[in-house]
Amino acid sequence: MLRYLPVLLSLALTVYCVVDAIQTDESAVRNLPKMAWVLIVLLFPVIGPISWLVAGRPEKQVGPVSQQRRRRAQQQRERDARRPRGPDDDPDFLKGL
């Protein structure tokens, strides 16, 4: 059983990294396009997943910077929700018809 452990760990790491790369937003991926990372992870069993984790995966922002970004993103979503999406959603436009 122990002789299969490196193979199982490599397989688990590869599966994790492929799923992570596929689920990551295209704009957040670093250094290469998303599909290139998926191919690298699949073609190079140990080096590919480690490369994804080090150089391709989005960096996690911790602390006040990420809180500010989250707050700004929430404010932007609220502004977008208040804006009319088209002429038929704009009450002022409909009054003029």
PDB file of N, CA and C in Angstrom:
ATOM      1  N   MET A   1       0.813  -1.204   0.000  1.00  0.00           N
ATOM      2  CA  MET A   1       0.000   0.000   0.000  1.00  0.00           C
ATOM      3  C   MET A   1       0.858   1.272   0.000  1.00  0.00           C
ATOM      4  N   LEU A   2       1.944   1.243   0.759  1.00  0.00           N
ATOM      5  CA  LEU A   2       2.788   2.427   0.856  1.00  0.00           C
ATOM      6  C   LEU A   2       3.482   2.755  -0.453  1.00  0.00           C
ATOM      7  N   ARG A   3       3.701   1.766  -1.303  1.00  0.00           N
ATOM      8  CA  ARG A   3       4.376   2.057  -2.555  1.00  0.00           C
ATOM      9  C   ARG A   3       3.476   2.808  -3.524  1.00  0.00           C
ATOM     10  N   TYR A   4       2.170   2.773  -3.304  1.00  0.00           N
ATOM     11  CA  TYR A   4       1.220   3.498  -4.151  1.00  0.00           C
ATOM     12  C   TYR A   4       0.921   4.903  -3.631  1.00  0.00           C
ATOM     13  N   LEU A   5       1.401   5.204  -2.441  1.00  0.00           N
ATOM     14  CA  LEU A   5       1.106   6.489  -1.814  1.00  0.00           C
ATOM     15  C   LEU A   5       1.565   7.689  -2.649  1.00  0.00           C
ATOM     16  N   PRO A   6       2.789   7.709  -3.186  1.00  0.00           N
ATOM     17  CA  PRO A   6       3.184   8.865  -4.015  1.00  0.00           C
ATOM     18  C   PRO A   6       2.301   9.035  -5.250  1.00  0.00           C
ATOM     19  N   VAL A   7       1.898   7.926  -5.841  1.00  0.00           N
ATOM     20  CA  VAL A   7       1.032   8.000  -7.021  1.00  0.00           C
ATOM     21  C   VAL A   7      -0.331   8.562  -6.642  1.00  0.00           C
ATOM     22  N   LEU A   8      -0.873   8.106  -5.523  1.00  0.00           N
ATOM     23  CA  LEU A   8      -2.179   8.601  -5.070  1.00  0.00           C
ATOM     24  C   LEU A   8      -2.115  10.076  -4.688  1.00  0.00           C
ATOM     25  N   LEU A   9      -1.033  10.474  -4.026  1.00  0.00           N
ATOM     26  CA  LEU A   9      -0.893  11.886  -3.658  1.00  0.00           C
ATOM     27  C   LEU A   9      -0.760  12.765  -4.903  1.00  0.00           C
ATOM     28  N   SER A  10       0.017  12.302  -5.882  1.00  0.00           N
ATOM     29  CA  SER A  10       0.166  13.049  -7.128  1.00  0.00           C
ATOM     30  C   SER A  10      -1.175  13.161  -7.850  1.00  0.00           C
ATOM     31  N   LEU A  11      -1.915  12.084  -7.887  1.00  0.00           N
ATOM     32  CA  LEU A  11      -3.233  12.096  -8.532  1.00  0.00           C
ATOM     33  C   LEU A  11      -4.194  13.035  -7.803  1.00  0.00           C
ATOM     34  N   ALA A  12      -4.198  12.978  -6.489  1.00  0.00           N
ATOM     35  CA  ALA A  12      -5.078  13.850  -5.706  1.00  0.00           C
ATOM     36  C   ALA A  12      -4.723  15.321  -5.922  1.00  0.00           C
ATOM     37  N   LEU A  13      -3.433  15.626  -5.922  1.00  0.00           N
ATOM     38  CA  LEU A  13      -2.996  17.004  -6.140  1.00  0.00           C
ATOM     39  C   LEU A  13      -3.376  17.484  -7.538  1.00  0.00           C
ATOM     40  N   THR A  14      -3.203  16.619  -8.524  1.00  0.00           N
ATOM     41  CA  THR A  14      -3.558  16.974  -9.899  1.00  0.00           C
ATOM     42  C   THR A  14      -5.052  17.230 -10.026  1.00  0.00           C
ATOM     43  N   VAL A  15      -5.869  16.356  -9.463  1.00  0.00           N
ATOM     44  CA  VAL A  15      -7.329  16.535  -9.535  1.00  0.00           C
ATOM     45  C   VAL A  15      -7.739  17.830  -8.838  1.00  0.00           C
ATOM     46  N   TYR A  16      -7.174  18.086  -7.653  1.00  0.00           N
ATOM     47  CA  TYR A  16      -7.501  19.305  -6.924  1.00  0.00           C
ATOM     48  C   TYR A  16      -7.156  20.542  -7.757  1.00  0.00           C
ATOM     49  N   CYS A  17      -5.955  20.540  -8.345  1.00  0.00           N
ATOM     50  CA  CYS A  17      -5.507  21.711  -9.095  1.00  0.00           C
ATOM     51  C   CYS A  17      -6.290  21.897 -10.388  1.00  0.00           C
ATOM     52  N   VAL A  18      -6.673  20.812 -11.053  1.00  0.00           N
ATOM     53  CA  VAL A  18      -7.484  20.934 -12.269  1.00  0.00           C
ATOM     54  C   VAL A  18      -8.837  21.534 -11.933  1.00  0.00           C
ATOM     55  N   VAL A  19      -9.475  21.025 -10.895  1.00  0.00           N
ATOM     56  CA  VAL A  19     -10.784  21.558 -10.487  1.00  0.00           C
ATOM     57  C   VAL A  19     -10.654  23.012 -10.062  1.00  0.00           C
ATOM     58  N   ASP A  20      -9.620  23.325  -9.296  1.00  0.00           N
ATOM     59  CA  ASP A  20      -9.397  24.704  -8.848  1.00  0.00           C
ATOM     60  C   ASP A  20      -9.175  25.640 -10.032  1.00  0.00           C
ATOM     61  N   ALA A  21      -8.367  25.199 -11.000  1.00  0.00           N
ATOM     62  CA  ALA A  21      -8.094  26.034 -12.173  1.00  0.00           C
ATOM     63  C   ALA A  21      -9.354  26.252 -13.002  1.00  0.00           C
ATOM     64  N   ILE A  22     -10.159  25.231 -13.154  1.00  0.00           N
ATOM     65  CA  ILE A  22     -11.385  25.351 -13.949  1.00  0.00           C
ATOM     66  C   ILE A  22     -12.376  26.294 -13.271  1.00  0.00           C
ATOM     67  N   GLN A  23     -12.466  26.231 -11.958  1.00  0.00           N
ATOM     68  CA  GLN A  23     -13.434  27.051 -11.234  1.00  0.00           C
ATOM     69  C   GLN A  23     -12.971  28.484 -11.020  1.00  0.00           C
ATOM     70  N   THR A  24     -11.704  28.757 -11.206  1.00  0.00           N
ATOM     71  CA  THR A  24     -11.179  30.106 -11.007  1.00  0.00           C
ATOM     72  C   THR A  24     -11.607  31.018 -12.154  1.00  0.00           C
ATOM     73  N   ASP A  25     -11.980  32.236 -11.813  1.00  0.00           N
ATOM     74  CA  ASP A  25     -12.390  33.219 -12.812  1.00  0.00           C
ATOM     75  C   ASP A  25     -11.218  33.541 -13.739  1.00  0.00           C
ATOM     76  N   GLU A  26     -11.493  33.610 -15.031  1.00  0.00           N
ATOM     77  CA  GLU A  26     -10.448  33.860 -16.048  1.00  0.00           C
ATOM     78  C   GLU A  26      -9.652  35.128 -15.749  1.00  0.00           C
ATOM     79  N   SER A  27     -10.308  36.164 -15.261  1.00  0.00           N
ATOM     80  CA  SER A  27      -9.618  37.431 -15.010  1.00  0.00           C
ATOM     81  C   SER A  27      -8.710  37.383 -13.781  1.00  0.00           C
ATOM     82  N   ALA A  28      -8.902  36.383 -12.917  1.00  0.00           N
ATOM     83  CA  ALA A  28      -8.096  36.293 -11.704  1.00  0.00           C
ATOM     84  C   ALA A  28      -6.866  35.419 -11.876  1.00  0.00           C
ATOM     85  N   VAL A  29      -6.807  34.632 -12.937  1.00  0.00           N
ATOM     86  CA  VAL A  29      -5.682  33.730 -13.158  1.00  0.00           C
ATOM     87  C   VAL A  29      -4.433  34.548 -13.490  1.00  0.00           C
ATOM     88  N   ARG A  30      -3.304  34.150 -12.917  1.00  0.00           N
ATOM     89  CA  ARG A  30      -2.052  34.885 -13.118  1.00  0.00           C
ATOM     90  C   ARG A  30      -1.160  34.216 -14.153  1.00  0.00           C
ATOM     91  N   ASN A  31      -0.391  35.018 -14.865  1.00  0.00           N
ATOM     92  CA  ASN A  31       0.729  34.637 -15.722  1.00  0.00           C
ATOM     93  C   ASN A  31       0.398  33.928 -17.029  1.00  0.00           C
ATOM     94  N   LEU A  32      -0.603  33.101 -17.114  1.00  0.00           N
ATOM     95  CA  LEU A  32      -0.957  32.388 -18.344  1.00  0.00           C
ATOM     96  C   LEU A  32      -2.480  32.338 -18.463  1.00  0.00           C
ATOM     97  N   PRO A  33      -2.993  32.072 -19.659  1.00  0.00           N
ATOM     98  CA  PRO A  33      -4.440  31.874 -19.785  1.00  0.00           C
ATOM     99  C   PRO A  33      -4.889  30.629 -19.009  1.00  0.00           C
ATOM    100  N   LYS A  34      -6.124  30.626 -18.651  1.00  0.00           N
ATOM    101  CA  LYS A  34      -6.692  29.563 -17.832  1.00  0.00           C
ATOM    102  C   LYS A  34      -6.511  28.179 -18.472  1.00  0.00           C
ATOM    103  N   MET A  35      -6.808  28.066 -19.769  1.00  0.00           N
ATOM    104  CA  MET A  35      -6.703  26.769 -20.425  1.00  0.00           C
ATOM    105  C   MET A  35      -5.249  26.291 -20.485  1.00  0.00           C
ATOM    106  N   ALA A  36      -4.308  27.191 -20.588  1.00  0.00           N
ATOM    107  CA  ALA A  36      -2.901  26.797 -20.569  1.00  0.00           C
ATOM    108  C   ALA A  36      -2.537  26.180 -19.221  1.00  0.00           C
ATOM    109  N   TRP A  37      -3.064  26.772 -18.146  1.00  0.00           N
ATOM    110  CA  TRP A  37      -2.796  26.205 -16.822  1.00  0.00           C
ATOM    111  C   TRP A  37      -3.403  24.821 -16.676  1.00  0.00           C
ATOM    112  N   VAL A  38      -4.611  24.643 -17.177  1.00  0.00           N
ATOM    113  CA  VAL A  38      -5.249  23.324 -17.084  1.00  0.00           C
ATOM    114  C   VAL A  38      -4.401  22.293 -17.828  1.00  0.00           C
ATOM    115  N   LEU A  39      -3.929  22.642 -19.010  1.00  0.00           N
ATOM    116  CA  LEU A  39      -3.098  21.707 -19.776  1.00  0.00           C
ATOM    117  C   LEU A  39      -1.772  21.418 -19.068  1.00  0.00           C
ATOM    118  N   ILE A  40      -1.147  22.430 -18.499  1.00  0.00           N
ATOM    119  CA  ILE A  40       0.109  22.228 -17.775  1.00  0.00           C
ATOM    120  C   ILE A  40      -0.098  21.291 -16.593  1.00  0.00           C
ATOM    121  N   VAL A  41      -1.184  21.513 -15.856  1.00  0.00           N
ATOM    122  CA  VAL A  41      -1.461  20.669 -14.688  1.00  0.00           C
ATOM    123  C   VAL A  41      -1.695  19.220 -15.121  1.00  0.00           C
ATOM    124  N   LEU A  42      -2.381  19.031 -16.236  1.00  0.00           N
ATOM    125  CA  LEU A  42      -2.671  17.677 -16.698  1.00  0.00           C
ATOM    126  C   LEU A  42      -1.451  16.993 -17.319  1.00  0.00           C
ATOM    127  N   LEU A  43      -0.622  17.738 -18.024  1.00  0.00           N
ATOM    128  CA  LEU A  43       0.498  17.121 -18.748  1.00  0.00           C
ATOM    129  C   LEU A  43       1.726  16.853 -17.874  1.00  0.00           C
ATOM    130  N   PHE A  44       1.920  17.632 -16.835  1.00  0.00           N
ATOM    131  CA  PHE A  44       3.081  17.473 -15.970  1.00  0.00           C
ATOM    132  C   PHE A  44       2.605  17.156 -14.552  1.00  0.00           C
ATOM    133  N   PRO A  45       2.505  15.864 -14.217  1.00  0.00           N
ATOM    134  CA  PRO A  45       1.827  15.413 -12.991  1.00  0.00           C
ATOM    135  C   PRO A  45       2.227  16.092 -11.683  1.00  0.00           C
ATOM    136  N   VAL A  46       3.477  16.282 -11.369  1.00  0.00           N
ATOM    137  CA  VAL A  46       3.827  16.888 -10.082  1.00  0.00           C
ATOM    138  C   VAL A  46       4.188  18.359 -10.257  1.00  0.00           C
ATOM    139  N   ILE A  47       4.968  18.649 -11.276  1.00  0.00           N
ATOM    140  CA  ILE A  47       5.432  20.023 -11.515  1.00  0.00           C
ATOM    141  C   ILE A  47       4.268  20.937 -11.898  1.00  0.00           C
ATOM    142  N   GLY A  48       3.334  20.444 -12.712  1.00  0.00           N
ATOM    143  CA  GLY A  48       2.197  21.253 -13.156  1.00  0.00           C
ATOM    144  C   GLY A  48       1.338  21.760 -12.015  1.00  0.00           C
ATOM    145  N   PRO A  49       0.861  20.858 -11.142  1.00  0.00           N
ATOM    146  CA  PRO A  49       0.049  21.335 -10.008  1.00  0.00           C
ATOM    147  C   PRO A  49       0.793  22.285  -9.066  1.00  0.00           C
ATOM    148  N   ILE A  50       2.066  21.999  -8.821  1.00  0.00           N
ATOM    149  CA  ILE A  50       2.834  22.890  -7.949  1.00  0.00           C
ATOM    150  C   ILE A  50       2.994  24.261  -8.614  1.00  0.00           C
ATOM    151  N   SER A  51       3.225  24.256  -9.920  1.00  0.00           N
ATOM    152  CA  SER A  51       3.331  25.526 -10.647  1.00  0.00           C
ATOM    153  C   SER A  51       2.036  26.313 -10.570  1.00  0.00           C
ATOM    154  N   TRP A  52       0.901  25.629 -10.702  1.00  0.00           N
ATOM    155  CA  TRP A  52      -0.400  26.301 -10.599  1.00  0.00           C
ATOM    156  C   TRP A  52      -0.548  26.956  -9.235  1.00  0.00           C
ATOM    157  N   LEU A  53      -0.208  26.209  -8.183  1.00  0.00           N
ATOM    158  CA  LEU A  53      -0.376  26.737  -6.832  1.00  0.00           C
ATOM    159  C   LEU A  53       0.555  27.924  -6.567  1.00  0.00           C
ATOM    160  N   VAL A  54       1.739  27.905  -7.146  1.00  0.00           N
ATOM    161  CA  VAL A  54       2.712  28.962  -6.892  1.00  0.00           C
ATOM    162  C   VAL A  54       2.523  30.166  -7.818  1.00  0.00           C
ATOM    163  N   ALA A  55       2.320  29.899  -9.123  1.00  0.00           N
ATOM    164  CA  ALA A  55       2.380  30.991 -10.092  1.00  0.00           C
ATOM    165  C   ALA A  55       1.076  31.283 -10.819  1.00  0.00           C
ATOM    166  N   GLY A  56       0.094  30.424 -10.735  1.00  0.00           N
ATOM    167  CA  GLY A  56      -1.118  30.637 -11.513  1.00  0.00           C
ATOM    168  C   GLY A  56      -2.346  30.987 -10.702  1.00  0.00           C
ATOM    169  N   ARG A  57      -2.431  30.448  -9.542  1.00  0.00           N
ATOM    170  CA  ARG A  57      -3.607  30.661  -8.695  1.00  0.00           C
ATOM    171  C   ARG A  57      -3.669  32.112  -8.233  1.00  0.00           C
ATOM    172  N   PRO A  58      -4.877  32.666  -8.163  1.00  0.00           N
ATOM    173  CA  PRO A  58      -4.996  34.052  -7.693  1.00  0.00           C
ATOM    174  C   PRO A  58      -4.476  34.202  -6.269  1.00  0.00           C
ATOM    175  N   GLU A  59      -3.842  35.329  -6.016  1.00  0.00           N
ATOM    176  CA  GLU A  59      -3.361  35.590  -4.658  1.00  0.00           C
ATOM    177  C   GLU A  59      -4.530  35.961  -3.772  1.00  0.00           C
ATOM    178  N   LYS A  60      -4.520  35.453  -2.576  1.00  0.00           N
ATOM    179  CA  LYS A  60      -5.569  35.807  -1.624  1.00  0.00           C
ATOM    180  C   LYS A  60      -5.161  37.081  -0.916  1.00  0.00           C
ATOM    181  N   GLN A  61      -6.042  38.041  -0.926  1.00  0.00           N
ATOM    182  CA  GLN A  61      -5.803  39.292  -0.219  1.00  0.00           C
ATOM    183  C   GLN A  61      -6.371  39.157   1.182  1.00  0.00           C
ATOM    184  N   VAL A  62      -5.562  39.405   2.162  1.00  0.00           N
ATOM    185  CA  VAL A  62      -6.021  39.345   3.541  1.00  0.00           C
ATOM    186  C   VAL A  62      -5.851  40.708   4.174  1.00  0.00           C
ATOM    187  N   GLY A  63      -6.671  40.973   5.141  1.00  0.00           N
ATOM    188  CA  GLY A  63      -6.552  42.223   5.857  1.00  0.00           C
ATOM    189  C   GLY A  63      -7.415  43.324   5.280  1.00  0.00           C
ATOM    190  N   PRO A  64      -7.058  44.569   5.585  1.00  0.00           N
ATOM    191  CA  PRO A  64      -7.886  45.707   5.214  1.00  0.00           C
ATOM    192  C   PRO A  64      -8.019  45.892   3.705  1.00  0.00           C
ATOM    193  N   VAL A  65      -7.026  45.495   2.922  1.00  0.00           N
ATOM    194  CA  VAL A  65      -7.119  45.688   1.484  1.00  0.00           C
ATOM    195  C   VAL A  65      -8.279  44.879   0.915  1.00  0.00           C
ATOM    196  N   SER A  66      -8.392  43.619   1.333  1.00  0.00           N
ATOM    197  CA  SER A  66      -9.475  42.794   0.812  1.00  0.00           C
ATOM    198  C   SER A  66     -10.835  43.284   1.324  1.00  0.00           C
ATOM    199  N   GLN A  67     -10.882  43.807   2.545  1.00  0.00           N
ATOM    200  CA  GLN A  67     -12.140  44.342   3.063  1.00  0.00           C
ATOM    201  C   GLN A  67     -12.565  45.563   2.256  1.00  0.00           C
ATOM    202  N   GLN A  68     -11.618  46.413   1.890  1.00  0.00           N
ATOM    203  CA  GLN A  68     -11.939  47.588   1.080  1.00  0.00           C
ATOM    204  C   GLN A  68     -12.430  47.164  -0.300  1.00  0.00           C
ATOM    205  N   ARG A  69     -11.772  46.185  -0.889  1.00  0.00           N
ATOM    206  CA  ARG A  69     -12.211  45.697  -2.197  1.00  0.00           C
ATOM    207  C   ARG A  69     -13.611  45.118  -2.122  1.00  0.00           C
ATOM    208  N   ARG A  70     -13.863  44.333  -1.088  1.00  0.00           N
ATOM    209  CA  ARG A  70     -15.186  43.745  -0.928  1.00  0.00           C
ATOM    210  C   ARG A  70     -16.251  44.833  -0.770  1.00  0.00           C
ATOM    211  N   ARG A  71     -15.919  45.859   0.017  1.00  0.00           N
ATOM    212  CA  ARG A  71     -16.853  46.960   0.238  1.00  0.00           C
ATOM    213  C   ARG A  71     -17.116  47.716  -1.068  1.00  0.00           C
ATOM    214  N   ARG A  72     -16.038  48.000  -1.832  1.00  0.00           N
ATOM    215  CA  ARG A  72     -16.211  48.682  -3.119  1.00  0.00           C
ATOM    216  C   ARG A  72     -17.016  47.847  -4.100  1.00  0.00           C
ATOM    217  N   ALA A  73     -16.780  46.552  -4.127  1.00  0.00           N
ATOM    218  CA  ALA A  73     -17.531  45.681  -5.029  1.00  0.00           C
ATOM    219  C   ALA A  73     -19.007  45.650  -4.643  1.00  0.00           C
ATOM    220  N   GLN A  74     -19.290  45.633  -3.352  1.00  0.00           N
ATOM    221  CA  GLN A  74     -20.684  45.646  -2.896  1.00  0.00           C
ATOM    222  C   GLN A  74     -21.357  46.965  -3.272  1.00  0.00           C
ATOM    223  N   GLN A  75     -20.650  48.078  -3.106  1.00  0.00           N
ATOM    224  CA  GLN A  75     -21.214  49.371  -3.481  1.00  0.00           C
ATOM    225  C   GLN A  75     -21.473  49.439  -4.978  1.00  0.00           C
ATOM    226  N   GLN A  76     -20.582  48.894  -5.778  1.00  0.00           N
ATOM    227  CA  GLN A  76     -20.769  48.884  -7.227  1.00  0.00           C
ATOM    228  C   GLN A  76     -21.989  48.035  -7.607  1.00  0.00           C
ATOM    229  N   ARG A  77     -22.149  46.891  -6.962  1.00  0.00           N
ATOM    230  CA  ARG A  77     -23.325  46.048  -7.243  1.00  0.00           C
ATOM    231  C   ARG A  77     -24.617  46.772  -6.885  1.00  0.00           C
ATOM    232  N   GLU A  78     -24.585  47.517  -5.776  1.00  0.00           N
ATOM    233  CA  GLU A  78     -25.782  48.269  -5.380  1.00  0.00           C
ATOM    234  C   GLU A  78     -26.085  49.372  -6.391  1.00  0.00           C
ATOM    235  N   ARG A  79     -25.046  50.077  -6.867  1.00  0.00           N
ATOM    236  CA  ARG A  79     -25.266  51.114  -7.887  1.00  0.00           C
ATOM    237  C   ARG A  79     -25.801  50.499  -9.175  1.00  0.00           C
ATOM    238  N   ASP A  80     -25.253  49.371  -9.570  1.00  0.00           N
ATOM    239  CA  ASP A  80     -25.715  48.708 -10.795  1.00  0.00           C
ATOM    240  C   ASP A  80     -27.158  48.245 -10.660  1.00  0.00           C
ATOM    241  N   ALA A  81     -27.545  47.827  -9.467  1.00  0.00           N
ATOM    242  CA  ALA A  81     -28.918  47.346  -9.262  1.00  0.00           C
ATOM    243  C   ALA A  81     -29.921  48.495  -9.356  1.00  0.00           C
ATOM    244  N   ARG A  82     -29.505  49.712  -8.978  1.00  0.00           N
ATOM    245  CA  ARG A  82     -30.413  50.857  -9.020  1.00  0.00           C
ATOM    246  C   ARG A  82     -30.559  51.430 -10.415  1.00  0.00           C
ATOM    247  N   ARG A  83     -29.549  51.252 -11.251  1.00  0.00           N
ATOM    248  CA  ARG A  83     -29.601  51.806 -12.600  1.00  0.00           C
ATOM    249  C   ARG A  83     -30.593  51.037 -13.463  1.00  0.00           C
ATOM    250  N   PRO A  84     -31.341  51.777 -14.291  1.00  0.00           N
ATOM    251  CA  PRO A  84     -32.213  51.075 -15.238  1.00  0.00           C
ATOM    252  C   PRO A  84     -31.363  50.303 -16.245  1.00  0.00           C
ATOM    253  N   ARG A  85     -31.822  49.129 -16.600  1.00  0.00           N
ATOM    254  CA  ARG A  85     -31.067  48.285 -17.521  1.00  0.00           C
ATOM    255  C   ARG A  85     -31.372  48.626 -18.975  1.00  0.00           C
ATOM    256  N   GLY A  86     -32.557  49.078 -19.254  1.00  0.00           N
ATOM    257  CA  GLY A  86     -32.934  49.411 -20.619  1.00  0.00           C
ATOM    258  C   GLY A  86     -34.043  50.442 -20.591  1.00  0.00           C
ATOM    259  N   PRO A  87     -34.442  50.951 -21.740  1.00  0.00           N
ATOM    260  CA  PRO A  87     -35.478  51.983 -21.770  1.00  0.00           C
ATOM    261  C   PRO A  87     -36.790  51.519 -21.155  1.00  0.00           C
ATOM    262  N   ASP A  88     -37.129  50.259 -21.339  1.00  0.00           N
ATOM    263  CA  ASP A  88     -38.403  49.792 -20.791  1.00  0.00           C
ATOM    264  C   ASP A  88     -38.366  49.628 -19.271  1.00  0.00           C
ATOM    265  N   ASP A  89     -37.168  49.701 -18.657  1.00  0.00           N
ATOM    266  CA  ASP A  89     -37.058  49.632 -17.198  1.00  0.00           C
ATOM    267  C   ASP A  89     -36.967  51.030 -16.569  1.00  0.00           C
ATOM    268  N   ASP A  90     -36.866  52.056 -17.378  1.00  0.00           N
ATOM    269  CA  ASP A  90     -36.688  53.420 -16.896  1.00  0.00           C
ATOM    270  C   ASP A  90     -38.055  54.111 -16.807  1.00  0.00           C
ATOM    271  N   PRO A  91     -38.538  54.394 -15.577  1.00  0.00           N
ATOM    272  CA  PRO A  91     -39.857  55.012 -15.426  1.00  0.00           C
ATOM    273  C   PRO A  91     -39.955  56.392 -16.100  1.00  0.00           C
ATOM    274  N   ASP A  92     -38.884  57.183 -16.076  1.00  0.00           N
ATOM    275  CA  ASP A  92     -38.911  58.492 -16.711  1.00  0.00           C
ATOM    276  C   ASP A  92     -39.099  58.361 -18.230  1.00  0.00           C
ATOM    277  N   PHE A  93     -38.470  57.397 -18.822  1.00  0.00           N
ATOM    278  CA  PHE A  93     -38.627  57.169 -20.256  1.00  0.00           C
ATOM    279  C   PHE A  93     -40.043  56.726 -20.579  1.00  0.00           C
ATOM    280  N   LEU A  94     -40.586  55.852 -19.744  1.00  0.00           N
ATOM    281  CA  LEU A  94     -41.942  55.342 -20.006  1.00  0.00           C
ATOM    282  C   LEU A  94     -42.994  56.439 -19.840  1.00  0.00           C
ATOM    283  N   LYS A  95     -42.753  57.410 -18.947  1.00  0.00           N
ATOM    284  CA  LYS A  95     -43.705  58.506 -18.763  1.00  0.00           C
ATOM    285  C   LYS A  95     -43.786  59.357 -20.037  1.00  0.00           C
ATOM    286  N   GLY A  96     -42.688  59.482 -20.756  1.00  0.00           N
ATOM    287  CA  GLY A  96     -42.649  60.303 -21.946  1.00  0.00           C
ATOM    288  C   GLY A  96     -43.286  59.644 -23.155  1.00  0.00           C
ATOM    289  N   LEU A  97     -43.705  58.420 -23.076  1.00  0.00           N
ATOM    290  CA  LEU A  97     -44.320  57.746 -24.231  1.00  0.00           C
ATOM    291  C   LEU A  97     -45.750  58.104 -24.417  1.00  0.00           C
TER     292      LEU A  97
END
